[in-house]
Amino acid sequence: MSKLSLKNIIGKKNGNSSMLQSFLDQLKAEIRIEDAEENFLSGDKEALINHSHPVLLDDEILGWVKGDDKASAIATLLSLLAQKDLEKKKLGSEVLALYQEVNMVFNFSDKL
């Protein structure tokens, strides 16, 4: 299973990017979102950094949300999105394993 990254979670492919930007606009939050290596991913590059909160997934830091007092809520939201993405990947892996088992049984019964 591929490793999750904050860049993929808030990327444009899954629609989270527009939802996150809309959420930031609604909150009027001055936030910058960075990956674990502190590379800028989203938000306001010029945001004043009063607070810094990690985005966590199973006690692993995926990135940081830095900015005003709303940074904590954004970090919690991103952690939740990461958890949901991980659950989807695990479910996909389980379905694939079950499919492979069914396929093996089918091939075996076909040979009989």
PDB file of N, CA and C in Angstrom:
ATOM      1  N   MET A   1       0.848  -1.173   0.000  1.00  0.00           N
ATOM      2  CA  MET A   1       0.000   0.000   0.000  1.00  0.00           C
ATOM      3  C   MET A   1       0.894   1.237   0.000  1.00  0.00           C
ATOM      4  N   SER A   2       0.552   2.202  -0.862  1.00  0.00           N
ATOM      5  CA  SER A   2       1.365   3.408  -0.953  1.00  0.00           C
ATOM      6  C   SER A   2       1.175   4.286   0.277  1.00  0.00           C
ATOM      7  N   LYS A   3       2.206   5.043   0.555  1.00  0.00           N
ATOM      8  CA  LYS A   3       2.197   5.905   1.732  1.00  0.00           C
ATOM      9  C   LYS A   3       1.350   7.148   1.457  1.00  0.00           C
ATOM     10  N   LEU A   4       0.585   7.551   2.451  1.00  0.00           N
ATOM     11  CA  LEU A   4      -0.233   8.748   2.331  1.00  0.00           C
ATOM     12  C   LEU A   4       0.621   9.995   2.519  1.00  0.00           C
ATOM     13  N   SER A   5       0.309  11.025   1.754  1.00  0.00           N
ATOM     14  CA  SER A   5       0.985  12.306   1.951  1.00  0.00           C
ATOM     15  C   SER A   5      -0.074  13.401   2.027  1.00  0.00           C
ATOM     16  N   LEU A   6       0.248  14.441   2.730  1.00  0.00           N
ATOM     17  CA  LEU A   6      -0.677  15.560   2.871  1.00  0.00           C
ATOM     18  C   LEU A   6      -0.937  16.213   1.515  1.00  0.00           C
ATOM     19  N   LYS A   7       0.063  16.209   0.657  1.00  0.00           N
ATOM     20  CA  LYS A   7      -0.090  16.793  -0.680  1.00  0.00           C
ATOM     21  C   LYS A   7      -1.173  16.059  -1.461  1.00  0.00           C
ATOM     22  N   ASN A   8      -1.216  14.734  -1.369  1.00  0.00           N
ATOM     23  CA  ASN A   8      -2.240  13.958  -2.071  1.00  0.00           C
ATOM     24  C   ASN A   8      -3.619  14.147  -1.441  1.00  0.00           C
ATOM     25  N   ILE A   9      -3.665  14.307  -0.131  1.00  0.00           N
ATOM     26  CA  ILE A   9      -4.941  14.438   0.568  1.00  0.00           C
ATOM     27  C   ILE A   9      -5.633  15.742   0.198  1.00  0.00           C
ATOM     28  N   ILE A  10      -4.871  16.829   0.073  1.00  0.00           N
ATOM     29  CA  ILE A  10      -5.491  18.109  -0.261  1.00  0.00           C
ATOM     30  C   ILE A  10      -5.342  18.441  -1.735  1.00  0.00           C
ATOM     31  N   GLY A  11      -4.977  17.449  -2.534  1.00  0.00           N
ATOM     32  CA  GLY A  11      -4.790  17.665  -3.962  1.00  0.00           C
ATOM     33  C   GLY A  11      -6.092  17.896  -4.703  1.00  0.00           C
ATOM     34  N   LYS A  12      -5.969  18.351  -5.942  1.00  0.00           N
ATOM     35  CA  LYS A  12      -7.137  18.673  -6.754  1.00  0.00           C
ATOM     36  C   LYS A  12      -7.866  17.428  -7.259  1.00  0.00           C
ATOM     37  N   LYS A  13      -7.199  16.277  -7.316  1.00  0.00           N
ATOM     38  CA  LYS A  13      -7.805  15.071  -7.870  1.00  0.00           C
ATOM     39  C   LYS A  13      -9.023  14.598  -7.085  1.00  0.00           C
ATOM     40  N   ASN A  14      -8.979  14.687  -5.767  1.00  0.00           N
ATOM     41  CA  ASN A  14     -10.069  14.141  -4.968  1.00  0.00           C
ATOM     42  C   ASN A  14     -11.081  15.187  -4.518  1.00  0.00           C
ATOM     43  N   GLY A  15     -10.923  16.427  -4.930  1.00  0.00           N
ATOM     44  CA  GLY A  15     -11.893  17.468  -4.610  1.00  0.00           C
ATOM     45  C   GLY A  15     -11.699  18.122  -3.253  1.00  0.00           C
ATOM     46  N   ASN A  16     -10.762  17.655  -2.472  1.00  0.00           N
ATOM     47  CA  ASN A  16     -10.545  18.245  -1.154  1.00  0.00           C
ATOM     48  C   ASN A  16      -9.961  19.644  -1.234  1.00  0.00           C
ATOM     49  N   SER A  17      -9.256  19.942  -2.310  1.00  0.00           N
ATOM     50  CA  SER A  17      -8.611  21.246  -2.443  1.00  0.00           C
ATOM     51  C   SER A  17      -9.631  22.376  -2.472  1.00  0.00           C
ATOM     52  N   SER A  18     -10.657  22.243  -3.296  1.00  0.00           N
ATOM     53  CA  SER A  18     -11.667  23.303  -3.386  1.00  0.00           C
ATOM     54  C   SER A  18     -12.490  23.393  -2.108  1.00  0.00           C
ATOM     55  N   MET A  19     -12.783  22.244  -1.498  1.00  0.00           N
ATOM     56  CA  MET A  19     -13.525  22.241  -0.239  1.00  0.00           C
ATOM     57  C   MET A  19     -12.717  22.924   0.851  1.00  0.00           C
ATOM     58  N   LEU A  20     -11.431  22.638   0.918  1.00  0.00           N
ATOM     59  CA  LEU A  20     -10.562  23.241   1.925  1.00  0.00           C
ATOM     60  C   LEU A  20     -10.450  24.747   1.710  1.00  0.00           C
ATOM     61  N   GLN A  21     -10.269  25.170   0.460  1.00  0.00           N
ATOM     62  CA  GLN A  21     -10.161  26.598   0.175  1.00  0.00           C
ATOM     63  C   GLN A  21     -11.460  27.323   0.520  1.00  0.00           C
ATOM     64  N   SER A  22     -12.589  26.705   0.226  1.00  0.00           N
ATOM     65  CA  SER A  22     -13.887  27.286   0.585  1.00  0.00           C
ATOM     66  C   SER A  22     -14.028  27.407   2.101  1.00  0.00           C
ATOM     67  N   PHE A  23     -13.578  26.380   2.808  1.00  0.00           N
ATOM     68  CA  PHE A  23     -13.623  26.384   4.272  1.00  0.00           C
ATOM     69  C   PHE A  23     -12.748  27.503   4.833  1.00  0.00           C
ATOM     70  N   LEU A  24     -11.544  27.674   4.282  1.00  0.00           N
ATOM     71  CA  LEU A  24     -10.645  28.741   4.729  1.00  0.00           C
ATOM     72  C   LEU A  24     -11.249  30.118   4.456  1.00  0.00           C
ATOM     73  N   ASP A  25     -11.906  30.254   3.288  1.00  0.00           N
ATOM     74  CA  ASP A  25     -12.544  31.531   2.951  1.00  0.00           C
ATOM     75  C   ASP A  25     -13.700  31.834   3.904  1.00  0.00           C
ATOM     76  N   GLN A  26     -14.495  30.814   4.220  1.00  0.00           N
ATOM     77  CA  GLN A  26     -15.632  30.998   5.123  1.00  0.00           C
ATOM     78  C   GLN A  26     -15.162  31.417   6.524  1.00  0.00           C
ATOM     79  N   LEU A  27     -14.076  30.797   6.974  1.00  0.00           N
ATOM     80  CA  LEU A  27     -13.548  31.115   8.307  1.00  0.00           C
ATOM     81  C   LEU A  27     -12.739  32.408   8.332  1.00  0.00           C
ATOM     82  N   LYS A  28     -12.406  32.919   7.149  1.00  0.00           N
ATOM     83  CA  LYS A  28     -11.500  34.072   7.036  1.00  0.00           C
ATOM     84  C   LYS A  28     -10.208  33.794   7.816  1.00  0.00           C
ATOM     85  N   ALA A  29      -9.684  32.595   7.590  1.00  0.00           N
ATOM     86  CA  ALA A  29      -8.500  32.142   8.310  1.00  0.00           C
ATOM     87  C   ALA A  29      -7.234  32.491   7.538  1.00  0.00           C
ATOM     88  N   GLU A  30      -6.247  32.963   8.245  1.00  0.00           N
ATOM     89  CA  GLU A  30      -4.922  33.189   7.676  1.00  0.00           C
ATOM     90  C   GLU A  30      -4.076  31.978   8.038  1.00  0.00           C
ATOM     91  N   ILE A  31      -4.042  31.039   7.117  1.00  0.00           N
ATOM     92  CA  ILE A  31      -3.443  29.730   7.367  1.00  0.00           C
ATOM     93  C   ILE A  31      -2.478  29.393   6.242  1.00  0.00           C
ATOM     94  N   ARG A  32      -1.403  28.729   6.594  1.00  0.00           N
ATOM     95  CA  ARG A  32      -0.543  28.104   5.591  1.00  0.00           C
ATOM     96  C   ARG A  32      -0.400  26.639   5.955  1.00  0.00           C
ATOM     97  N   ILE A  33      -0.506  25.781   4.960  1.00  0.00           N
ATOM     98  CA  ILE A  33      -0.417  24.337   5.158  1.00  0.00           C
ATOM     99  C   ILE A  33       0.893  23.873   4.535  1.00  0.00           C
ATOM    100  N   GLU A  34       1.664  23.134   5.330  1.00  0.00           N
ATOM    101  CA  GLU A  34       2.979  22.657   4.889  1.00  0.00           C
ATOM    102  C   GLU A  34       3.056  21.149   5.068  1.00  0.00           C
ATOM    103  N   ASP A  35       3.894  20.507   4.248  1.00  0.00           N
ATOM    104  CA  ASP A  35       4.112  19.074   4.431  1.00  0.00           C
ATOM    105  C   ASP A  35       5.079  18.842   5.591  1.00  0.00           C
ATOM    106  N   ALA A  36       5.440  17.602   5.827  1.00  0.00           N
ATOM    107  CA  ALA A  36       6.299  17.257   6.965  1.00  0.00           C
ATOM    108  C   ALA A  36       7.678  17.916   6.872  1.00  0.00           C
ATOM    109  N   GLU A  37       8.137  18.194   5.641  1.00  0.00           N
ATOM    110  CA  GLU A  37       9.433  18.852   5.441  1.00  0.00           C
ATOM    111  C   GLU A  37       9.295  20.366   5.403  1.00  0.00           C
ATOM    112  N   GLU A  38       8.109  20.878   5.750  1.00  0.00           N
ATOM    113  CA  GLU A  38       7.789  22.297   5.810  1.00  0.00           C
ATOM    114  C   GLU A  38       7.811  22.976   4.445  1.00  0.00           C
ATOM    115  N   ASN A  39       7.449  22.230   3.390  1.00  0.00           N
ATOM    116  CA  ASN A  39       7.262  22.805   2.064  1.00  0.00           C
ATOM    117  C   ASN A  39       5.820  23.296   1.961  1.00  0.00           C
ATOM    118  N   PHE A  40       5.627  24.495   1.423  1.00  0.00           N
ATOM    119  CA  PHE A  40       4.296  25.092   1.306  1.00  0.00           C
ATOM    120  C   PHE A  40       3.406  24.256   0.386  1.00  0.00           C
ATOM    121  N   LEU A  41       2.175  23.981   0.818  1.00  0.00           N
ATOM    122  CA  LEU A  41       1.219  23.229   0.016  1.00  0.00           C
ATOM    123  C   LEU A  41      -0.018  24.045  -0.349  1.00  0.00           C
ATOM    124  N   SER A  42      -0.547  24.799   0.605  1.00  0.00           N
ATOM    125  CA  SER A  42      -1.803  25.508   0.363  1.00  0.00           C
ATOM    126  C   SER A  42      -1.962  26.641   1.369  1.00  0.00           C
ATOM    127  N   GLY A  43      -2.929  27.506   1.074  1.00  0.00           N
ATOM    128  CA  GLY A  43      -3.234  28.592   1.990  1.00  0.00           C
ATOM    129  C   GLY A  43      -2.549  29.883   1.599  1.00  0.00           C
ATOM    130  N   ASP A  44      -2.188  30.663   2.590  1.00  0.00           N
ATOM    131  CA  ASP A  44      -1.591  31.977   2.414  1.00  0.00           C
ATOM    132  C   ASP A  44      -0.112  31.917   2.780  1.00  0.00           C
ATOM    133  N   LYS A  45       0.753  32.111   1.780  1.00  0.00           N
ATOM    134  CA  LYS A  45       2.201  32.049   2.039  1.00  0.00           C
ATOM    135  C   LYS A  45       2.668  33.125   3.013  1.00  0.00           C
ATOM    136  N   GLU A  46       1.939  34.222   3.044  1.00  0.00           N
ATOM    137  CA  GLU A  46       2.337  35.362   3.878  1.00  0.00           C
ATOM    138  C   GLU A  46       1.630  35.380   5.233  1.00  0.00           C
ATOM    139  N   ALA A  47       0.952  34.293   5.598  1.00  0.00           N
ATOM    140  CA  ALA A  47       0.195  34.266   6.856  1.00  0.00           C
ATOM    141  C   ALA A  47       1.126  34.421   8.053  1.00  0.00           C
ATOM    142  N   LEU A  48       0.681  35.225   9.015  1.00  0.00           N
ATOM    143  CA  LEU A  48       1.433  35.364  10.256  1.00  0.00           C
ATOM    144  C   LEU A  48       1.280  34.068  11.049  1.00  0.00           C
ATOM    145  N   ILE A  49       2.386  33.584  11.568  1.00  0.00           N
ATOM    146  CA  ILE A  49       2.366  32.299  12.267  1.00  0.00           C
ATOM    147  C   ILE A  49       2.325  32.542  13.769  1.00  0.00           C
ATOM    148  N   ASN A  50       1.119  32.466  14.315  1.00  0.00           N
ATOM    149  CA  ASN A  50       0.943  32.575  15.756  1.00  0.00           C
ATOM    150  C   ASN A  50       0.822  31.198  16.392  1.00  0.00           C
ATOM    151  N   HIS A  51       0.281  30.263  15.632  1.00  0.00           N
ATOM    152  CA  HIS A  51       0.067  28.900  16.124  1.00  0.00           C
ATOM    153  C   HIS A  51       0.566  27.917  15.076  1.00  0.00           C
ATOM    154  N   SER A  52       0.998  26.773  15.549  1.00  0.00           N
ATOM    155  CA  SER A  52       1.454  25.711  14.664  1.00  0.00           C
ATOM    156  C   SER A  52       0.918  24.387  15.193  1.00  0.00           C
ATOM    157  N   HIS A  53       0.159  23.667  14.340  1.00  0.00           N
ATOM    158  CA  HIS A  53      -0.452  22.401  14.761  1.00  0.00           C
ATOM    159  C   HIS A  53      -0.112  21.312  13.759  1.00  0.00           C
ATOM    160  N   PRO A  54       0.250  20.125  14.249  1.00  0.00           N
ATOM    161  CA  PRO A  54       0.577  19.028  13.336  1.00  0.00           C
ATOM    162  C   PRO A  54      -0.676  18.374  12.757  1.00  0.00           C
ATOM    163  N   VAL A  55      -0.541  17.853  11.545  1.00  0.00           N
ATOM    164  CA  VAL A  55      -1.564  17.000  10.946  1.00  0.00           C
ATOM    165  C   VAL A  55      -1.066  15.583  11.168  1.00  0.00           C
ATOM    166  N   LEU A  56      -1.800  14.823  11.971  1.00  0.00           N
ATOM    167  CA  LEU A  56      -1.348  13.503  12.399  1.00  0.00           C
ATOM    168  C   LEU A  56      -2.153  12.385  11.758  1.00  0.00           C
ATOM    169  N   LEU A  57      -1.472  11.272  11.511  1.00  0.00           N
ATOM    170  CA  LEU A  57      -2.099  10.036  11.068  1.00  0.00           C
ATOM    171  C   LEU A  57      -1.387   8.898  11.779  1.00  0.00           C
ATOM    172  N   ASP A  58      -2.075   8.268  12.702  1.00  0.00           N
ATOM    173  CA  ASP A  58      -1.492   7.181  13.501  1.00  0.00           C
ATOM    174  C   ASP A  58      -0.173   7.611  14.153  1.00  0.00           C
ATOM    175  N   ASP A  59      -0.188   8.741  14.810  1.00  0.00           N
ATOM    176  CA  ASP A  59       0.958   9.309  15.531  1.00  0.00           C
ATOM    177  C   ASP A  59       2.140   9.664  14.626  1.00  0.00           C
ATOM    178  N   GLU A  60       1.911   9.754  13.321  1.00  0.00           N
ATOM    179  CA  GLU A  60       2.939  10.178  12.378  1.00  0.00           C
ATOM    180  C   GLU A  60       2.552  11.563  11.862  1.00  0.00           C
ATOM    181  N   ILE A  61       3.501  12.465  11.828  1.00  0.00           N
ATOM    182  CA  ILE A  61       3.223  13.820  11.360  1.00  0.00           C
ATOM    183  C   ILE A  61       3.273  13.845   9.833  1.00  0.00           C
ATOM    184  N   LEU A  62       2.116  14.190   9.226  1.00  0.00           N
ATOM    185  CA  LEU A  62       2.035  14.318   7.770  1.00  0.00           C
ATOM    186  C   LEU A  62       2.380  15.731   7.322  1.00  0.00           C
ATOM    187  N   GLY A  63       2.164  16.697   8.211  1.00  0.00           N
ATOM    188  CA  GLY A  63       2.418  18.082   7.859  1.00  0.00           C
ATOM    189  C   GLY A  63       2.036  19.009   8.992  1.00  0.00           C
ATOM    190  N   TRP A  64       1.984  20.290   8.650  1.00  0.00           N
ATOM    191  CA  TRP A  64       1.716  21.320   9.651  1.00  0.00           C
ATOM    192  C   TRP A  64       0.702  22.318   9.129  1.00  0.00           C
ATOM    193  N   VAL A  65      -0.122  22.808  10.046  1.00  0.00           N
ATOM    194  CA  VAL A  65      -1.010  23.925   9.751  1.00  0.00           C
ATOM    195  C   VAL A  65      -0.551  25.066  10.646  1.00  0.00           C
ATOM    196  N   LYS A  66      -0.156  26.152  10.016  1.00  0.00           N
ATOM    197  CA  LYS A  66       0.388  27.285  10.754  1.00  0.00           C
ATOM    198  C   LYS A  66      -0.432  28.528  10.443  1.00  0.00           C
ATOM    199  N   GLY A  67      -0.614  29.361  11.457  1.00  0.00           N
ATOM    200  CA  GLY A  67      -1.349  30.598  11.224  1.00  0.00           C
ATOM    201  C   GLY A  67      -2.037  31.101  12.466  1.00  0.00           C
ATOM    202  N   ASP A  68      -3.264  31.587  12.291  1.00  0.00           N
ATOM    203  CA  ASP A  68      -4.002  32.182  13.399  1.00  0.00           C
ATOM    204  C   ASP A  68      -4.638  31.110  14.290  1.00  0.00           C
ATOM    205  N   ASP A  69      -5.556  31.541  15.138  1.00  0.00           N
ATOM    206  CA  ASP A  69      -6.147  30.620  16.116  1.00  0.00           C
ATOM    207  C   ASP A  69      -7.059  29.568  15.490  1.00  0.00           C
ATOM    208  N   LYS A  70      -7.347  29.673  14.203  1.00  0.00           N
ATOM    209  CA  LYS A  70      -8.182  28.679  13.519  1.00  0.00           C
ATOM    210  C   LYS A  70      -7.357  27.512  12.982  1.00  0.00           C
ATOM    211  N   ALA A  71      -6.058  27.563  13.157  1.00  0.00           N
ATOM    212  CA  ALA A  71      -5.165  26.517  12.644  1.00  0.00           C
ATOM    213  C   ALA A  71      -5.471  25.158  13.265  1.00  0.00           C
ATOM    214  N   SER A  72      -5.866  25.145  14.517  1.00  0.00           N
ATOM    215  CA  SER A  72      -6.174  23.889  15.200  1.00  0.00           C
ATOM    216  C   SER A  72      -7.335  23.166  14.531  1.00  0.00           C
ATOM    217  N   ALA A  73      -8.380  23.899  14.187  1.00  0.00           N
ATOM    218  CA  ALA A  73      -9.549  23.292  13.540  1.00  0.00           C
ATOM    219  C   ALA A  73      -9.191  22.745  12.162  1.00  0.00           C
ATOM    220  N   ILE A  74      -8.375  23.468  11.424  1.00  0.00           N
ATOM    221  CA  ILE A  74      -7.958  23.013  10.093  1.00  0.00           C
ATOM    222  C   ILE A  74      -7.088  21.767  10.211  1.00  0.00           C
ATOM    223  N   ALA A  75      -6.179  21.750  11.185  1.00  0.00           N
ATOM    224  CA  ALA A  75      -5.322  20.573  11.393  1.00  0.00           C
ATOM    225  C   ALA A  75      -6.167  19.355  11.754  1.00  0.00           C
ATOM    226  N   THR A  76      -7.187  19.542  12.585  1.00  0.00           N
ATOM    227  CA  THR A  76      -8.074  18.434  12.951  1.00  0.00           C
ATOM    228  C   THR A  76      -8.830  17.932  11.730  1.00  0.00           C
ATOM    229  N   LEU A  77      -9.317  18.852  10.894  1.00  0.00           N
ATOM    230  CA  LEU A  77     -10.016  18.463   9.666  1.00  0.00           C
ATOM    231  C   LEU A  77      -9.106  17.668   8.742  1.00  0.00           C
ATOM    232  N   LEU A  78      -7.875  18.137   8.565  1.00  0.00           N
ATOM    233  CA  LEU A  78      -6.935  17.431   7.682  1.00  0.00           C
ATOM    234  C   LEU A  78      -6.560  16.059   8.245  1.00  0.00           C
ATOM    235  N   SER A  79      -6.443  15.948   9.563  1.00  0.00           N
ATOM    236  CA  SER A  79      -6.167  14.653  10.184  1.00  0.00           C
ATOM    237  C   SER A  79      -7.322  13.692   9.933  1.00  0.00           C
ATOM    238  N   LEU A  80      -8.543  14.202  10.019  1.00  0.00           N
ATOM    239  CA  LEU A  80      -9.727  13.385   9.753  1.00  0.00           C
ATOM    240  C   LEU A  80      -9.767  12.936   8.295  1.00  0.00           C
ATOM    241  N   LEU A  81      -9.456  13.844   7.368  1.00  0.00           N
ATOM    242  CA  LEU A  81      -9.408  13.479   5.949  1.00  0.00           C
ATOM    243  C   LEU A  81      -8.331  12.425   5.687  1.00  0.00           C
ATOM    244  N   ALA A  82      -7.198  12.547   6.363  1.00  0.00           N
ATOM    245  CA  ALA A  82      -6.128  11.557   6.208  1.00  0.00           C
ATOM    246  C   ALA A  82      -6.577  10.194   6.723  1.00  0.00           C
ATOM    247  N   GLN A  83      -7.278  10.173   7.854  1.00  0.00           N
ATOM    248  CA  GLN A  83      -7.775   8.915   8.421  1.00  0.00           C
ATOM    249  C   GLN A  83      -8.771   8.260   7.467  1.00  0.00           C
ATOM    250  N   LYS A  84      -9.663   9.047   6.889  1.00  0.00           N
ATOM    251  CA  LYS A  84     -10.648   8.519   5.933  1.00  0.00           C
ATOM    252  C   LYS A  84      -9.954   7.974   4.689  1.00  0.00           C
ATOM    253  N   ASP A  85      -8.931   8.665   4.219  1.00  0.00           N
ATOM    254  CA  ASP A  85      -8.185   8.198   3.052  1.00  0.00           C
ATOM    255  C   ASP A  85      -7.480   6.873   3.351  1.00  0.00           C
ATOM    256  N   LEU A  86      -6.917   6.754   4.546  1.00  0.00           N
ATOM    257  CA  LEU A  86      -6.265   5.512   4.956  1.00  0.00           C
ATOM    258  C   LEU A  86      -7.272   4.368   5.021  1.00  0.00           C
ATOM    259  N   GLU A  87      -8.456   4.639   5.551  1.00  0.00           N
ATOM    260  CA  GLU A  87      -9.498   3.610   5.618  1.00  0.00           C
ATOM    261  C   GLU A  87      -9.896   3.147   4.226  1.00  0.00           C
ATOM    262  N   LYS A  88      -9.987   4.080   3.267  1.00  0.00           N
ATOM    263  CA  LYS A  88     -10.318   3.716   1.884  1.00  0.00           C
ATOM    264  C   LYS A  88      -9.242   2.814   1.289  1.00  0.00           C
ATOM    265  N   LYS A  89      -7.981   3.161   1.542  1.00  0.00           N
ATOM    266  CA  LYS A  89      -6.880   2.349   1.009  1.00  0.00           C
ATOM    267  C   LYS A  89      -6.880   0.944   1.616  1.00  0.00           C
ATOM    268  N   LYS A  90      -7.139   0.855   2.920  1.00  0.00           N
ATOM    269  CA  LYS A  90      -7.185  -0.454   3.569  1.00  0.00           C
ATOM    270  C   LYS A  90      -8.335  -1.289   3.022  1.00  0.00           C
ATOM    271  N   LEU A  91      -9.489  -0.664   2.841  1.00  0.00           N
ATOM    272  CA  LEU A  91     -10.646  -1.367   2.297  1.00  0.00           C
ATOM    273  C   LEU A  91     -10.363  -1.851   0.885  1.00  0.00           C
ATOM    274  N   GLY A  92      -9.730  -1.011   0.079  1.00  0.00           N
ATOM    275  CA  GLY A  92      -9.363  -1.402  -1.286  1.00  0.00           C
ATOM    276  C   GLY A  92      -8.409  -2.588  -1.288  1.00  0.00           C
ATOM    277  N   SER A  93      -7.454  -2.607  -0.376  1.00  0.00           N
ATOM    278  CA  SER A  93      -6.507  -3.721  -0.278  1.00  0.00           C
ATOM    279  C   SER A  93      -7.211  -5.011   0.133  1.00  0.00           C
ATOM    280  N   GLU A  94      -8.153  -4.907   1.065  1.00  0.00           N
ATOM    281  CA  GLU A  94      -8.905  -6.082   1.500  1.00  0.00           C
ATOM    282  C   GLU A  94      -9.755  -6.644   0.367  1.00  0.00           C
ATOM    283  N   VAL A  95     -10.409  -5.759  -0.387  1.00  0.00           N
ATOM    284  CA  VAL A  95     -11.229  -6.197  -1.510  1.00  0.00           C
ATOM    285  C   VAL A  95     -10.358  -6.870  -2.565  1.00  0.00           C
ATOM    286  N   LEU A  96      -9.200  -6.309  -2.837  1.00  0.00           N
ATOM    287  CA  LEU A  96      -8.288  -6.909  -3.810  1.00  0.00           C
ATOM    288  C   LEU A  96      -7.844  -8.301  -3.361  1.00  0.00           C
ATOM    289  N   ALA A  97      -7.516  -8.455  -2.084  1.00  0.00           N
ATOM    290  CA  ALA A  97      -7.099  -9.763  -1.568  1.00  0.00           C
ATOM    291  C   ALA A  97      -8.231 -10.778  -1.688  1.00  0.00           C
ATOM    292  N   LEU A  98      -9.451 -10.369  -1.369  1.00  0.00           N
ATOM    293  CA  LEU A  98     -10.595 -11.279  -1.500  1.00  0.00           C
ATOM    294  C   LEU A  98     -10.846 -11.645  -2.957  1.00  0.00           C
ATOM    295  N   TYR A  99     -10.716 -10.698  -3.849  1.00  0.00           N
ATOM    296  CA  TYR A  99     -10.876 -10.967  -5.270  1.00  0.00           C
ATOM    297  C   TYR A  99      -9.847 -11.983  -5.745  1.00  0.00           C
ATOM    298  N   GLN A 100      -8.613 -11.834  -5.298  1.00  0.00           N
ATOM    299  CA  GLN A 100      -7.563 -12.773  -5.698  1.00  0.00           C
ATOM    300  C   GLN A 100      -7.856 -14.173  -5.183  1.00  0.00           C
ATOM    301  N   GLU A 101      -8.400 -14.281  -3.961  1.00  0.00           N
ATOM    302  CA  GLU A 101      -8.765 -15.589  -3.423  1.00  0.00           C
ATOM    303  C   GLU A 101      -9.889 -16.217  -4.233  1.00  0.00           C
ATOM    304  N   VAL A 102     -10.904 -15.432  -4.551  1.00  0.00           N
ATOM    305  CA  VAL A 102     -12.027 -15.944  -5.342  1.00  0.00           C
ATOM    306  C   VAL A 102     -11.536 -16.372  -6.720  1.00  0.00           C
ATOM    307  N   ASN A 103     -10.667 -15.587  -7.307  1.00  0.00           N
ATOM    308  CA  ASN A 103     -10.121 -15.918  -8.620  1.00  0.00           C
ATOM    309  C   ASN A 103      -9.329 -17.219  -8.573  1.00  0.00           C
ATOM    310  N   MET A 104      -8.558 -17.401  -7.486  1.00  0.00           N
ATOM    311  CA  MET A 104      -7.786 -18.635  -7.340  1.00  0.00           C
ATOM    312  C   MET A 104      -8.718 -19.835  -7.209  1.00  0.00           C
ATOM    313  N   VAL A 105      -9.785 -19.733  -6.425  1.00  0.00           N
ATOM    314  CA  VAL A 105     -10.748 -20.817  -6.268  1.00  0.00           C
ATOM    315  C   VAL A 105     -11.434 -21.113  -7.598  1.00  0.00           C
ATOM    316  N   PHE A 106     -11.794 -20.057  -8.329  1.00  0.00           N
ATOM    317  CA  PHE A 106     -12.422 -20.244  -9.627  1.00  0.00           C
ATOM    318  C   PHE A 106     -11.502 -20.990 -10.588  1.00  0.00           C
ATOM    319  N   ASN A 107     -10.244 -20.581 -10.648  1.00  0.00           N
ATOM    320  CA  ASN A 107      -9.272 -21.246 -11.534  1.00  0.00           C
ATOM    321  C   ASN A 107      -9.053 -22.699 -11.117  1.00  0.00           C
ATOM    322  N   PHE A 108      -9.006 -22.951  -9.825  1.00  0.00           N
ATOM    323  CA  PHE A 108      -8.826 -24.307  -9.323  1.00  0.00           C
ATOM    324  C   PHE A 108     -10.032 -25.167  -9.675  1.00  0.00           C
ATOM    325  N   SER A 109     -11.240 -24.648  -9.482  1.00  0.00           N
ATOM    326  CA  SER A 109     -12.442 -25.427  -9.791  1.00  0.00           C
ATOM    327  C   SER A 109     -12.570 -25.652 -11.289  1.00  0.00           C
ATOM    328  N   ASP A 110     -12.088 -24.707 -12.090  1.00  0.00           N
ATOM    329  CA  ASP A 110     -12.119 -24.855 -13.542  1.00  0.00           C
ATOM    330  C   ASP A 110     -11.219 -26.002 -13.983  1.00  0.00           C
ATOM    331  N   LYS A 111     -10.072 -26.156 -13.310  1.00  0.00           N
ATOM    332  CA  LYS A 111      -9.146 -27.241 -13.648  1.00  0.00           C
ATOM    333  C   LYS A 111      -9.693 -28.596 -13.234  1.00  0.00           C
ATOM    334  N   LEU A 112     -10.480 -28.611 -12.152  1.00  0.00           N
ATOM    335  CA  LEU A 112     -11.102 -29.874 -11.717  1.00  0.00           C
ATOM    336  C   LEU A 112     -12.147 -30.287 -12.721  1.00  0.00           C
TER     337      LEU A 112
END
